[in-house]
Amino acid sequence: MADSYKIGQERAADGAGALLHISGELDITARDDLHESIRAALDVGDVVIDLGDVTFLDSEALGSLIDGYNEARRRSAGYQVVNAQGLVARVLQVSGAQDLFGA
């Protein structure tokens, strides 16, 4: 994992899913870690991804979020992206991803 971002995972309060806390800048260097973290979280169940501490989101990282959404659908799992702020919220809005993610 790079120094420019951090991905933490914890179990949801009900134990039936996972919460990913992400911080920092999500660019091409984060893509693979983000993808793997989302897949691992989906192994637990439903996933909530908290972007409240993310300061940058590029198209590669957005692609990982979209891949995660598609994987969740294949698994019939819940998938939410929450707390996007500033530029990150704008990227989700302009790309149309906020409608997919319920952000």
Protein backbone atom coordinates (compact mmCIF):
# COMPACT_ATOMS: atom_id res chain seq x y z
CA MET A 1 0.00 0.00 0.00
CA ALA A 2 1.35 3.42 -0.94
CA ASP A 3 1.98 6.31 1.46
CA SER A 4 -0.54 8.52 -0.35
CA TYR A 5 -3.59 6.52 0.79
CA LYS A 6 -4.78 4.09 3.46
CA ILE A 7 -7.50 1.47 3.35
CA GLY A 8 -8.85 0.04 6.58
CA GLN A 9 -11.54 -2.60 6.98
CA GLU A 10 -13.77 -3.47 9.89
CA ARG A 11 -16.82 -5.63 10.34
CA ALA A 12 -20.20 -3.95 10.21
CA ALA A 13 -21.97 -3.73 13.55
CA ASP A 14 -24.32 -6.57 12.57
CA GLY A 15 -21.40 -8.77 11.46
CA ALA A 16 -23.01 -9.33 8.07
CA GLY A 17 -20.79 -7.01 6.08
CA ALA A 18 -17.74 -4.82 6.03
CA LEU A 19 -16.95 -1.13 6.27
CA LEU A 20 -13.95 0.19 4.35
CA HIS A 21 -12.46 3.43 5.64
CA ILE A 22 -10.32 5.04 2.96
CA SER A 23 -8.15 8.14 3.25
CA GLY A 24 -5.73 10.06 1.08
CA GLU A 25 -5.33 10.27 -2.67
CA LEU A 26 -6.78 7.48 -4.80
CA ASP A 27 -5.02 7.39 -8.14
CA ILE A 28 -3.57 4.70 -10.39
CA THR A 29 -1.22 3.59 -7.60
CA ALA A 30 -4.26 2.77 -5.43
CA ARG A 31 -6.23 0.93 -8.10
CA ASP A 32 -5.10 -2.63 -7.39
CA ASP A 33 -5.15 -2.28 -3.58
CA LEU A 34 -8.61 -0.74 -3.74
CA HIS A 35 -9.86 -3.50 -6.03
CA GLU A 36 -8.49 -6.24 -3.76
CA SER A 37 -9.80 -4.57 -0.60
CA ILE A 38 -13.29 -4.34 -2.07
CA ARG A 39 -13.23 -8.00 -3.17
CA ALA A 40 -12.06 -9.08 0.30
CA ALA A 41 -14.81 -7.00 1.91
CA LEU A 42 -17.40 -8.59 -0.37
CA ASP A 43 -16.26 -12.00 0.90
CA VAL A 44 -17.68 -10.89 4.27
CA GLY A 45 -20.99 -9.68 2.78
CA ASP A 46 -22.43 -6.23 2.10
CA VAL A 47 -19.93 -3.39 1.74
CA VAL A 48 -19.98 0.27 2.74
CA ILE A 49 -17.07 2.36 1.48
CA ASP A 50 -16.42 5.56 3.43
CA LEU A 51 -14.67 8.18 1.27
CA GLY A 52 -14.94 10.96 3.87
CA ASP A 53 -11.15 11.28 4.16
CA VAL A 54 -10.34 10.87 0.46
CA THR A 55 -8.94 14.06 -1.09
CA PHE A 56 -8.47 12.92 -4.70
CA LEU A 57 -10.09 10.29 -6.92
CA ASP A 58 -8.91 9.63 -10.47
CA SER A 59 -10.50 7.55 -13.22
CA GLU A 60 -8.48 4.43 -12.37
CA ALA A 61 -9.65 4.42 -8.75
CA LEU A 62 -13.18 5.24 -9.88
CA GLY A 63 -12.95 2.21 -12.16
CA SER A 64 -12.10 0.04 -9.14
CA LEU A 65 -15.15 1.38 -7.31
CA ILE A 66 -17.32 0.59 -10.33
CA ASP A 67 -15.78 -2.89 -10.65
CA GLY A 68 -16.61 -3.41 -6.97
CA TYR A 69 -20.20 -2.36 -7.58
CA ASN A 70 -20.48 -4.81 -10.47
CA GLU A 71 -18.97 -7.60 -8.36
CA ALA A 72 -21.42 -6.84 -5.54
CA ARG A 73 -24.30 -7.13 -7.99
CA ARG A 74 -22.99 -10.49 -9.22
CA ARG A 75 -22.88 -11.66 -5.61
CA SER A 76 -26.26 -10.10 -4.73
CA ALA A 77 -24.51 -8.07 -2.01
CA GLY A 78 -25.24 -4.56 -0.86
CA TYR A 79 -22.77 -1.87 -1.94
CA GLN A 80 -22.66 1.77 -0.88
CA VAL A 81 -20.13 4.55 -1.24
CA VAL A 82 -20.66 7.25 1.39
CA ASN A 83 -19.32 10.56 2.69
CA ALA A 84 -17.66 11.76 -0.51
CA GLN A 85 -16.62 15.40 -0.09
CA GLY A 86 -15.43 18.23 -2.33
CA LEU A 87 -13.58 17.16 -5.47
CA VAL A 88 -14.30 13.48 -4.81
CA ALA A 89 -18.04 14.14 -4.61
CA ARG A 90 -17.78 16.16 -7.82
CA VAL A 91 -16.04 13.29 -9.65
CA LEU A 92 -18.80 10.91 -8.55
CA GLN A 93 -21.46 13.39 -9.62
CA VAL A 94 -20.01 14.25 -13.04
CA SER A 95 -19.30 10.60 -13.86
CA GLY A 96 -22.81 9.54 -12.84
CA ALA A 97 -21.34 7.09 -10.33
CA GLN A 98 -23.09 8.71 -7.37
CA ASP A 99 -26.37 7.37 -8.73
CA LEU A 100 -24.89 3.87 -8.93
CA PHE A 101 -23.34 3.99 -5.47
CA GLY A 102 -26.02 5.87 -3.60
CA ALA A 103 -23.31 8.40 -2.67
